[in-house]
PDB file of N, CA and C in Angstrom:
ATOM      1  N   UNK A   1      16.674  17.856  13.115  1.00  0.00           N
ATOM      2  CA  UNK A   1      15.266  18.187  13.127  1.00  0.00           C
ATOM      3  C   UNK A   1      14.493  17.015  12.430  1.00  0.00           C
ATOM      4  N   UNK A   2      13.493  16.499  13.098  1.00  0.00           N
ATOM      5  CA  UNK A   2      12.698  15.381  12.582  1.00  0.00           C
ATOM      6  C   UNK A   2      11.799  15.858  11.456  1.00  0.00           C
ATOM      7  N   UNK A   3      11.614  14.984  10.462  1.00  0.00           N
ATOM      8  CA  UNK A   3      10.769  15.261   9.356  1.00  0.00           C
ATOM      9  C   UNK A   3       9.323  14.902   9.745  1.00  0.00           C
ATOM     10  N   UNK A   4       8.429  15.797   9.440  1.00  0.00           N
ATOM     11  CA  UNK A   4       7.013  15.527   9.713  1.00  0.00           C
ATOM     12  C   UNK A   4       6.412  14.770   8.534  1.00  0.00           C
ATOM     13  N   UNK A   5       5.287  14.143   8.790  1.00  0.00           N
ATOM     14  CA  UNK A   5       4.633  13.387   7.711  1.00  0.00           C
ATOM     15  C   UNK A   5       4.218  14.287   6.566  1.00  0.00           C
ATOM     16  N   UNK A   6       3.890  15.547   6.811  1.00  0.00           N
ATOM     17  CA  UNK A   6       3.470  16.431   5.721  1.00  0.00           C
ATOM     18  C   UNK A   6       4.672  16.847   4.880  1.00  0.00           C
ATOM     19  N   UNK A   7       5.907  16.679   5.395  1.00  0.00           N
ATOM     20  CA  UNK A   7       7.078  17.081   4.637  1.00  0.00           C
ATOM     21  C   UNK A   7       7.861  15.839   4.103  1.00  0.00           C
ATOM     22  N   UNK A   8       7.217  14.677   4.159  1.00  0.00           N
ATOM     23  CA  UNK A   8       7.842  13.456   3.672  1.00  0.00           C
ATOM     24  C   UNK A   8       8.071  13.620   2.207  1.00  0.00           C
ATOM     25  N   UNK A   9       9.254  13.252   1.768  1.00  0.00           N
ATOM     26  CA  UNK A   9       9.632  13.354   0.364  1.00  0.00           C
ATOM     27  C   UNK A   9       8.846  12.384  -0.493  1.00  0.00           C
ATOM     28  N   UNK A  10       8.187  12.895  -1.530  1.00  0.00           N
ATOM     29  CA  UNK A  10       7.405  12.080  -2.459  1.00  0.00           C
ATOM     30  C   UNK A  10       8.361  11.494  -3.497  1.00  0.00           C
ATOM     31  N   UNK A  11       8.509  10.199  -3.493  1.00  0.00           N
ATOM     32  CA  UNK A  11       9.362   9.495  -4.460  1.00  0.00           C
ATOM     33  C   UNK A  11       8.601   8.641  -5.412  1.00  0.00           C
ATOM     34  N   UNK A  12       7.322   8.357  -5.095  1.00  0.00           N
ATOM     35  CA  UNK A  12       6.533   7.517  -5.984  1.00  0.00           C
ATOM     36  C   UNK A  12       5.219   7.241  -5.370  1.00  0.00           C
ATOM     37  N   UNK A  13       4.518   6.210  -5.932  1.00  0.00           N
ATOM     38  CA  UNK A  13       3.226   5.834  -5.430  1.00  0.00           C
ATOM     39  C   UNK A  13       3.040   4.370  -5.769  1.00  0.00           C
ATOM     40  N   UNK A  14       1.977   3.772  -5.198  1.00  0.00           N
ATOM     41  CA  UNK A  14       1.716   2.351  -5.436  1.00  0.00           C
ATOM     42  C   UNK A  14       0.349   2.138  -6.030  1.00  0.00           C
ATOM     43  N   UNK A  15       0.145   1.016  -6.634  1.00  0.00           N
ATOM     44  CA  UNK A  15      -1.156   0.596  -7.107  1.00  0.00           C
ATOM     45  C   UNK A  15      -1.312  -0.872  -6.740  1.00  0.00           C
ATOM     46  N   UNK A  16      -2.464  -1.226  -6.133  1.00  0.00           N
ATOM     47  CA  UNK A  16      -2.722  -2.585  -5.634  1.00  0.00           C
ATOM     48  C   UNK A  16      -3.725  -3.208  -6.622  1.00  0.00           C
ATOM     49  N   UNK A  17      -3.349  -4.364  -7.175  1.00  0.00           N
ATOM     50  CA  UNK A  17      -4.225  -5.131  -8.094  1.00  0.00           C
ATOM     51  C   UNK A  17      -5.136  -5.961  -7.225  1.00  0.00           C
ATOM     52  N   UNK A  18      -6.354  -5.548  -7.127  1.00  0.00           N
ATOM     53  CA  UNK A  18      -7.351  -6.155  -6.289  1.00  0.00           C
ATOM     54  C   UNK A  18      -7.689  -7.612  -6.701  1.00  0.00           C
ATOM     55  N   UNK A  19      -7.405  -7.944  -7.982  1.00  0.00           N
ATOM     56  CA  UNK A  19      -7.704  -9.335  -8.372  1.00  0.00           C
ATOM     57  C   UNK A  19      -6.758 -10.327  -7.780  1.00  0.00           C
ATOM     58  N   UNK A  20      -5.524  -9.911  -7.431  1.00  0.00           N
ATOM     59  CA  UNK A  20      -4.557 -10.779  -6.814  1.00  0.00           C
ATOM     60  C   UNK A  20      -4.530 -10.665  -5.298  1.00  0.00           C
ATOM     61  N   UNK A  21      -4.922  -9.595  -4.721  1.00  0.00           N
ATOM     62  CA  UNK A  21      -4.825  -9.355  -3.256  1.00  0.00           C
ATOM     63  C   UNK A  21      -5.750 -10.295  -2.560  1.00  0.00           C
ATOM     64  N   UNK A  22      -5.202 -10.961  -1.509  1.00  0.00           N
ATOM     65  CA  UNK A  22      -6.011 -11.845  -0.603  1.00  0.00           C
ATOM     66  C   UNK A  22      -6.270 -11.279   0.697  1.00  0.00           C
ATOM     67  N   UNK A  23      -5.936  -9.966   0.927  1.00  0.00           N
ATOM     68  CA  UNK A  23      -6.287  -9.261   2.179  1.00  0.00           C
ATOM     69  C   UNK A  23      -5.533  -9.811   3.351  1.00  0.00           C
ATOM     70  N   UNK A  24      -4.319 -10.329   3.215  1.00  0.00           N
ATOM     71  CA  UNK A  24      -3.578 -10.850   4.355  1.00  0.00           C
ATOM     72  C   UNK A  24      -3.140  -9.786   5.355  1.00  0.00           C
ATOM     73  N   UNK A  25      -3.080  -8.510   4.884  1.00  0.00           N
ATOM     74  CA  UNK A  25      -2.673  -7.423   5.745  1.00  0.00           C
ATOM     75  C   UNK A  25      -1.183  -7.202   6.002  1.00  0.00           C
ATOM     76  N   UNK A  26      -0.351  -7.957   5.331  1.00  0.00           N
ATOM     77  CA  UNK A  26       1.101  -7.782   5.506  1.00  0.00           C
ATOM     78  C   UNK A  26       1.524  -6.397   5.081  1.00  0.00           C
ATOM     79  N   UNK A  27       1.005  -5.876   3.960  1.00  0.00           N
ATOM     80  CA  UNK A  27       1.388  -4.542   3.480  1.00  0.00           C
ATOM     81  C   UNK A  27       0.945  -3.476   4.488  1.00  0.00           C
ATOM     82  N   UNK A  28      -0.210  -3.700   5.102  1.00  0.00           N
ATOM     83  CA  UNK A  28      -0.761  -2.719   6.043  1.00  0.00           C
ATOM     84  C   UNK A  28       0.107  -2.733   7.303  1.00  0.00           C
ATOM     85  N   UNK A  29       0.462  -3.859   7.766  1.00  0.00           N
ATOM     86  CA  UNK A  29       1.317  -3.982   8.994  1.00  0.00           C
ATOM     87  C   UNK A  29       2.673  -3.333   8.820  1.00  0.00           C
ATOM     88  N   UNK A  30       3.315  -3.526   7.660  1.00  0.00           N
ATOM     89  CA  UNK A  30       4.672  -3.038   7.444  1.00  0.00           C
ATOM     90  C   UNK A  30       4.809  -1.639   6.805  1.00  0.00           C
ATOM     91  N   UNK A  31       3.742  -1.043   6.401  1.00  0.00           N
ATOM     92  CA  UNK A  31       3.801   0.290   5.814  1.00  0.00           C
ATOM     93  C   UNK A  31       4.282   1.328   6.793  1.00  0.00           C
ATOM     94  N   UNK A  32       5.472   1.913   6.525  1.00  0.00           N
ATOM     95  CA  UNK A  32       6.030   2.920   7.504  1.00  0.00           C
ATOM     96  C   UNK A  32       5.216   4.185   7.536  1.00  0.00           C
ATOM     97  N   UNK A  33       4.484   4.486   6.501  1.00  0.00           N
ATOM     98  CA  UNK A  33       3.709   5.731   6.462  1.00  0.00           C
ATOM     99  C   UNK A  33       2.241   5.549   6.914  1.00  0.00           C
ATOM    100  N   UNK A  34       1.880   4.302   7.169  1.00  0.00           N
ATOM    101  CA  UNK A  34       0.530   3.959   7.624  1.00  0.00           C
ATOM    102  C   UNK A  34      -0.537   4.540   6.723  1.00  0.00           C
ATOM    103  N   UNK A  35      -0.374   4.311   5.403  1.00  0.00           N
ATOM    104  CA  UNK A  35      -1.326   4.805   4.449  1.00  0.00           C
ATOM    105  C   UNK A  35      -2.138   3.681   3.747  1.00  0.00           C
ATOM    106  N   UNK A  36      -2.059   2.446   4.280  1.00  0.00           N
ATOM    107  CA  UNK A  36      -2.784   1.354   3.717  1.00  0.00           C
ATOM    108  C   UNK A  36      -3.845   0.871   4.683  1.00  0.00           C
ATOM    109  N   UNK A  37      -4.932   0.308   4.140  1.00  0.00           N
ATOM    110  CA  UNK A  37      -5.990  -0.276   4.973  1.00  0.00           C
ATOM    111  C   UNK A  37      -6.729  -1.325   4.153  1.00  0.00           C
ATOM    112  N   UNK A  38      -7.574  -2.049   4.831  1.00  0.00           N
ATOM    113  CA  UNK A  38      -8.453  -2.997   4.096  1.00  0.00           C
ATOM    114  C   UNK A  38      -9.634  -2.225   3.563  1.00  0.00           C
ATOM    115  N   UNK A  39     -10.036  -2.536   2.332  1.00  0.00           N
ATOM    116  CA  UNK A  39     -11.139  -1.870   1.674  1.00  0.00           C
ATOM    117  C   UNK A  39     -12.469  -2.387   2.261  1.00  0.00           C
ATOM    118  N   UNK A  40     -13.519  -1.699   1.848  1.00  0.00           N
ATOM    119  CA  UNK A  40     -14.860  -2.151   2.313  1.00  0.00           C
ATOM    120  C   UNK A  40     -15.448  -3.219   1.445  1.00  0.00           C
ATOM    121  N   UNK A  41     -14.878  -3.400   0.219  1.00  0.00           N
ATOM    122  CA  UNK A  41     -15.473  -4.357  -0.705  1.00  0.00           C
ATOM    123  C   UNK A  41     -14.616  -5.635  -0.805  1.00  0.00           C
ATOM    124  N   UNK A  42     -15.168  -6.535  -1.640  1.00  0.00           N
ATOM    125  CA  UNK A  42     -14.451  -7.817  -1.844  1.00  0.00           C
ATOM    126  C   UNK A  42     -14.164  -7.970  -3.333  1.00  0.00           C
ATOM    127  N   UNK A  43     -13.131  -8.768  -3.663  1.00  0.00           N
ATOM    128  CA  UNK A  43     -12.788  -9.023  -5.049  1.00  0.00           C
ATOM    129  C   UNK A  43     -13.599 -10.280  -5.515  1.00  0.00           C
ATOM    130  N   UNK A  44     -13.330 -10.680  -6.783  1.00  0.00           N
ATOM    131  CA  UNK A  44     -14.087 -11.813  -7.386  1.00  0.00           C
ATOM    132  C   UNK A  44     -13.857 -13.119  -6.699  1.00  0.00           C
ATOM    133  N   UNK A  45     -12.729 -13.230  -5.940  1.00  0.00           N
ATOM    134  CA  UNK A  45     -12.390 -14.435  -5.222  1.00  0.00           C
ATOM    135  C   UNK A  45     -12.985 -14.465  -3.838  1.00  0.00           C
ATOM    136  N   UNK A  46     -13.636 -13.343  -3.403  1.00  0.00           N
ATOM    137  CA  UNK A  46     -14.210 -13.242  -2.075  1.00  0.00           C
ATOM    138  C   UNK A  46     -13.311 -12.670  -0.993  1.00  0.00           C
ATOM    139  N   UNK A  47     -12.230 -12.094  -1.336  1.00  0.00           N
ATOM    140  CA  UNK A  47     -11.319 -11.557  -0.405  1.00  0.00           C
ATOM    141  C   UNK A  47     -11.529 -10.044  -0.210  1.00  0.00           C
ATOM    142  N   UNK A  48     -11.352  -9.548   1.007  1.00  0.00           N
ATOM    143  CA  UNK A  48     -11.345  -8.101   1.253  1.00  0.00           C
ATOM    144  C   UNK A  48      -9.953  -7.664   0.936  1.00  0.00           C
ATOM    145  N   UNK A  49      -9.834  -6.680   0.013  1.00  0.00           N
ATOM    146  CA  UNK A  49      -8.509  -6.325  -0.479  1.00  0.00           C
ATOM    147  C   UNK A  49      -7.969  -5.060   0.199  1.00  0.00           C
ATOM    148  N   UNK A  50      -6.691  -4.897   0.095  1.00  0.00           N
ATOM    149  CA  UNK A  50      -5.997  -3.700   0.653  1.00  0.00           C
ATOM    150  C   UNK A  50      -6.095  -2.578  -0.327  1.00  0.00           C
ATOM    151  N   UNK A  51      -6.092  -1.365   0.174  1.00  0.00           N
ATOM    152  CA  UNK A  51      -6.116  -0.112  -0.640  1.00  0.00           C
ATOM    153  C   UNK A  51      -5.193   0.893   0.018  1.00  0.00           C
ATOM    154  N   UNK A  52      -4.743   1.820  -0.780  1.00  0.00           N
ATOM    155  CA  UNK A  52      -3.981   2.984  -0.288  1.00  0.00           C
ATOM    156  C   UNK A  52      -4.992   4.008   0.030  1.00  0.00           C
ATOM    157  N   UNK A  53      -5.138   4.337   1.326  1.00  0.00           N
ATOM    158  CA  UNK A  53      -6.181   5.269   1.771  1.00  0.00           C
ATOM    159  C   UNK A  53      -5.659   6.746   1.781  1.00  0.00           C
ATOM    160  N   UNK A  54      -4.374   6.930   1.764  1.00  0.00           N
ATOM    161  CA  UNK A  54      -3.874   8.308   1.728  1.00  0.00           C
ATOM    162  C   UNK A  54      -2.666   8.339   0.779  1.00  0.00           C
ATOM    163  N   UNK A  55      -2.951   8.555  -0.489  1.00  0.00           N
ATOM    164  CA  UNK A  55      -1.923   8.537  -1.523  1.00  0.00           C
ATOM    165  C   UNK A  55      -0.908   9.624  -1.380  1.00  0.00           C
ATOM    166  N   UNK A  56      -1.283  10.749  -0.698  1.00  0.00           N
ATOM    167  CA  UNK A  56      -0.363  11.846  -0.474  1.00  0.00           C
ATOM    168  C   UNK A  56       0.726  11.443   0.543  1.00  0.00           C
ATOM    169  N   UNK A  57       0.419  10.566   1.471  1.00  0.00           N
ATOM    170  CA  UNK A  57       1.426  10.087   2.461  1.00  0.00           C
ATOM    171  C   UNK A  57       2.331   9.044   1.926  1.00  0.00           C
ATOM    172  N   UNK A  58       1.899   8.360   0.890  1.00  0.00           N
ATOM    173  CA  UNK A  58       2.707   7.271   0.346  1.00  0.00           C
ATOM    174  C   UNK A  58       3.998   7.846  -0.335  1.00  0.00           C
ATOM    175  N   UNK A  59       5.143   7.295   0.098  1.00  0.00           N
ATOM    176  CA  UNK A  59       6.408   7.767  -0.479  1.00  0.00           C
ATOM    177  C   UNK A  59       6.941   6.877  -1.553  1.00  0.00           C
ATOM    178  N   UNK A  60       6.299   5.754  -1.794  1.00  0.00           N
ATOM    179  CA  UNK A  60       6.750   4.807  -2.816  1.00  0.00           C
ATOM    180  C   UNK A  60       7.997   4.018  -2.366  1.00  0.00           C
ATOM    181  N   UNK A  61       8.127   3.787  -1.058  1.00  0.00           N
ATOM    182  CA  UNK A  61       9.295   3.099  -0.491  1.00  0.00           C
ATOM    183  C   UNK A  61       9.389   1.662  -0.929  1.00  0.00           C
ATOM    184  N   UNK A  62       8.283   1.083  -1.327  1.00  0.00           N
ATOM    185  CA  UNK A  62       8.187  -0.326  -1.850  1.00  0.00           C
ATOM    186  C   UNK A  62       8.207  -1.373  -0.767  1.00  0.00           C
ATOM    187  N   UNK A  63       8.136  -1.005   0.542  1.00  0.00           N
ATOM    188  CA  UNK A  63       8.121  -2.011   1.602  1.00  0.00           C
ATOM    189  C   UNK A  63       6.890  -2.922   1.389  1.00  0.00           C
ATOM    190  N   UNK A  64       5.769  -2.330   1.040  1.00  0.00           N
ATOM    191  CA  UNK A  64       4.541  -3.107   0.922  1.00  0.00           C
ATOM    192  C   UNK A  64       4.679  -4.140  -0.203  1.00  0.00           C
ATOM    193  N   UNK A  65       5.265  -3.723  -1.324  1.00  0.00           N
ATOM    194  CA  UNK A  65       5.442  -4.662  -2.484  1.00  0.00           C
ATOM    195  C   UNK A  65       6.385  -5.786  -2.090  1.00  0.00           C
ATOM    196  N   UNK A  66       7.405  -5.494  -1.305  1.00  0.00           N
ATOM    197  CA  UNK A  66       8.353  -6.496  -0.933  1.00  0.00           C
ATOM    198  C   UNK A  66       7.744  -7.583  -0.017  1.00  0.00           C
ATOM    199  N   UNK A  67       6.872  -7.217   0.858  1.00  0.00           N
ATOM    200  CA  UNK A  67       6.248  -8.174   1.757  1.00  0.00           C
ATOM    201  C   UNK A  67       4.985  -8.825   1.245  1.00  0.00           C
ATOM    202  N   UNK A  68       4.435  -8.407   0.113  1.00  0.00           N
ATOM    203  CA  UNK A  68       3.231  -8.943  -0.431  1.00  0.00           C
ATOM    204  C   UNK A  68       3.471 -10.336  -0.993  1.00  0.00           C
ATOM    205  N   UNK A  69       2.846 -11.362  -0.416  1.00  0.00           N
ATOM    206  CA  UNK A  69       3.060 -12.718  -0.877  1.00  0.00           C
ATOM    207  C   UNK A  69       2.426 -13.009  -2.256  1.00  0.00           C
ATOM    208  N   UNK A  70       1.476 -12.160  -2.671  1.00  0.00           N
ATOM    209  CA  UNK A  70       0.818 -12.402  -3.974  1.00  0.00           C
ATOM    210  C   UNK A  70       1.338 -11.516  -5.098  1.00  0.00           C
ATOM    211  N   UNK A  71       2.366 -10.691  -4.801  1.00  0.00           N
ATOM    212  CA  UNK A  71       2.929  -9.734  -5.797  1.00  0.00           C
ATOM    213  C   UNK A  71       1.789  -8.867  -6.447  1.00  0.00           C
ATOM    214  N   UNK A  72       0.919  -8.412  -5.519  1.00  0.00           N
ATOM    215  CA  UNK A  72      -0.244  -7.620  -6.034  1.00  0.00           C
ATOM    216  C   UNK A  72       0.011  -6.144  -6.075  1.00  0.00           C
ATOM    217  N   UNK A  73       1.178  -5.731  -5.655  1.00  0.00           N
ATOM    218  CA  UNK A  73       1.475  -4.280  -5.510  1.00  0.00           C
ATOM    219  C   UNK A  73       2.541  -3.836  -6.454  1.00  0.00           C
ATOM    220  N   UNK A  74       2.224  -2.816  -7.257  1.00  0.00           N
ATOM    221  CA  UNK A  74       3.200  -2.205  -8.192  1.00  0.00           C
ATOM    222  C   UNK A  74       3.630  -0.882  -7.579  1.00  0.00           C
ATOM    223  N   UNK A  75       4.922  -0.561  -7.706  1.00  0.00           N
ATOM    224  CA  UNK A  75       5.466   0.669  -7.211  1.00  0.00           C
ATOM    225  C   UNK A  75       5.929   1.478  -8.404  1.00  0.00           C
ATOM    226  N   UNK A  76       5.516   2.740  -8.456  1.00  0.00           N
ATOM    227  CA  UNK A  76       5.894   3.623  -9.517  1.00  0.00           C
ATOM    228  C   UNK A  76       6.712   4.762  -8.961  1.00  0.00           C
ATOM    229  N   UNK A  77       7.788   5.071  -9.587  1.00  0.00           N
ATOM    230  CA  UNK A  77       8.704   6.150  -9.129  1.00  0.00           C
ATOM    231  C   UNK A  77       8.406   7.394  -9.948  1.00  0.00           C
ATOM    232  N   UNK A  78       8.456   8.555  -9.297  1.00  0.00           N
ATOM    233  CA  UNK A  78       8.214   9.825  -9.997  1.00  0.00           C
ATOM    234  C   UNK A  78       9.475  10.630 -10.080  1.00  0.00           C
TER     235      UNK A  78
END
């Protein structure tokens, strides 16, 4: 039986440091839960940053943190 997104096991969550994010979109592209997107605002360096738009769907798998070239993503386990 396939697991639905609403029954995805919660293992953690992420936080994106907008001061380091350059909005490359790598985390968005590789997120298996599709819970990341570009924000509407810009950081002090002029980049549109990534944000977690659906924290409930985030499983804390750390894929986004692994592909982030700026190391702007922290993963927390619960």
